[in-house]
Amino acid sequence: MTSTASNNRTCKKGHHYFKTSDCPTCPICEQERKPDSGLLSVLSAPARRALENKGIETAQDLSKYSKKEIISLHGIGPSSIPKLLEELKKHDLNFKIV
């Protein structure tokens, strides 16, 4: 794969990065805003954004949704579910039963 000028990008904060997809998200900004602890800290950036877009920031927030609802979110992949279940378990919570 060869690098083209259209794939070299600069975000609003001035970070330079290379992206092969049309996704506008700066990977450097995403890494900088990743929490150090809590539910969102164990997830990949797409999964984290999916939960943030639904207003889910804590295990308590997550427990208000069914597993099916969470799996349906764009950005939540198969590797996210075990991580989410573990976080719920730490707080003696579970997904909402439908």
Protein backbone atom coordinates (compact mmCIF):
# COMPACT_ATOMS: atom_id res chain seq x y z
CA MET A 1 0.00 0.00 0.00
CA THR A 2 1.32 3.39 -0.90
CA SER A 3 0.81 6.59 1.00
CA THR A 4 -1.14 9.33 -0.75
CA ALA A 5 -1.54 12.94 0.23
CA SER A 6 -5.28 12.42 0.77
CA ASN A 7 -4.54 9.82 3.46
CA ASN A 8 -2.17 12.07 5.39
CA ARG A 9 -4.28 14.19 7.67
CA THR A 10 -4.04 16.86 10.34
CA CYS A 11 -6.71 17.20 13.02
CA LYS A 12 -8.00 20.44 14.57
CA LYS A 13 -5.42 20.10 17.38
CA GLY A 14 -2.58 19.86 14.86
CA HIS A 15 -1.85 16.12 15.16
CA HIS A 16 -0.55 14.58 11.94
CA TYR A 17 -1.71 11.05 11.19
CA PHE A 18 -2.31 8.62 8.33
CA LYS A 19 -5.73 7.07 7.74
CA THR A 20 -6.75 4.67 4.97
CA SER A 21 -10.49 4.98 5.67
CA ASP A 22 -12.86 7.94 5.46
CA CYS A 23 -13.20 8.00 9.25
CA PRO A 24 -12.49 11.58 10.40
CA THR A 25 -11.45 10.60 13.94
CA CYS A 26 -7.89 11.46 14.95
CA PRO A 27 -6.31 8.40 16.63
CA ILE A 28 -3.98 10.62 18.68
CA CYS A 29 -6.89 12.66 20.08
CA GLU A 30 -8.77 9.43 20.85
CA GLN A 31 -5.81 8.04 22.79
CA GLU A 32 -5.42 11.29 24.73
CA ARG A 33 -9.05 11.31 25.84
CA LYS A 34 -9.19 7.64 26.87
CA PRO A 35 -10.07 7.45 30.59
CA ASP A 36 -7.55 5.92 33.00
CA SER A 37 -10.18 3.98 34.93
CA GLY A 38 -13.82 2.96 34.86
CA LEU A 39 -16.08 1.31 32.34
CA LEU A 40 -14.91 3.27 29.30
CA SER A 41 -11.21 2.70 30.01
CA VAL A 42 -11.39 -1.00 29.08
CA LEU A 43 -12.89 -0.46 25.62
CA SER A 44 -11.59 0.31 22.16
CA ALA A 45 -12.20 3.81 20.82
CA PRO A 46 -15.16 2.81 18.57
CA ALA A 47 -16.88 0.95 21.42
CA ARG A 48 -16.20 3.81 23.81
CA ARG A 49 -17.72 6.34 21.38
CA ALA A 50 -20.76 4.10 20.85
CA LEU A 51 -21.50 4.07 24.58
CA GLU A 52 -20.73 7.77 25.01
CA ASN A 53 -23.19 8.59 22.21
CA LYS A 54 -25.91 6.80 24.24
CA GLY A 55 -24.90 8.62 27.44
CA ILE A 56 -23.43 5.45 28.98
CA GLU A 57 -20.40 6.29 31.11
CA THR A 58 -20.68 3.97 34.12
CA ALA A 59 -21.59 0.36 34.87
CA GLN A 60 -24.77 1.70 36.47
CA ASP A 61 -25.69 3.42 33.19
CA LEU A 62 -24.90 0.25 31.24
CA SER A 63 -27.17 -1.87 33.44
CA LYS A 64 -30.18 0.08 32.14
CA TYR A 65 -29.73 -1.52 28.70
CA SER A 66 -30.17 -5.09 27.49
CA LYS A 67 -27.27 -6.99 26.00
CA LYS A 68 -29.12 -7.00 22.67
CA GLU A 69 -29.44 -3.20 22.73
CA ILE A 70 -25.72 -2.79 23.40
CA ILE A 71 -24.67 -5.30 20.73
CA SER A 72 -26.77 -3.39 18.18
CA LEU A 73 -24.72 -0.21 18.64
CA HIS A 74 -22.31 0.61 15.83
CA GLY A 75 -18.82 0.26 17.28
CA ILE A 76 -19.58 -2.53 19.73
CA GLY A 77 -17.82 -5.67 18.57
CA PRO A 78 -17.59 -9.23 19.89
CA SER A 79 -14.54 -8.43 22.03
CA SER A 80 -16.41 -5.64 23.85
CA ILE A 81 -19.09 -7.82 25.44
CA PRO A 82 -16.83 -9.84 27.79
CA LYS A 83 -15.20 -6.59 28.94
CA LEU A 84 -18.58 -5.03 29.59
CA LEU A 85 -19.81 -8.12 31.45
CA GLU A 86 -16.70 -8.04 33.65
CA GLU A 87 -17.28 -4.38 34.50
CA LEU A 88 -20.91 -5.08 35.35
CA LYS A 89 -19.86 -8.03 37.52
CA LYS A 90 -17.42 -5.82 39.48
CA HIS A 91 -20.41 -3.72 40.55
CA ASP A 92 -22.80 -6.64 41.12
CA LEU A 93 -24.85 -5.54 38.11
CA ASN A 94 -26.03 -7.16 34.91
CA PHE A 95 -27.60 -6.18 31.62
CA LYS A 96 -31.32 -5.34 31.77
CA ILE A 97 -33.52 -8.40 31.30
CA VAL A 98 -36.07 -7.87 28.56
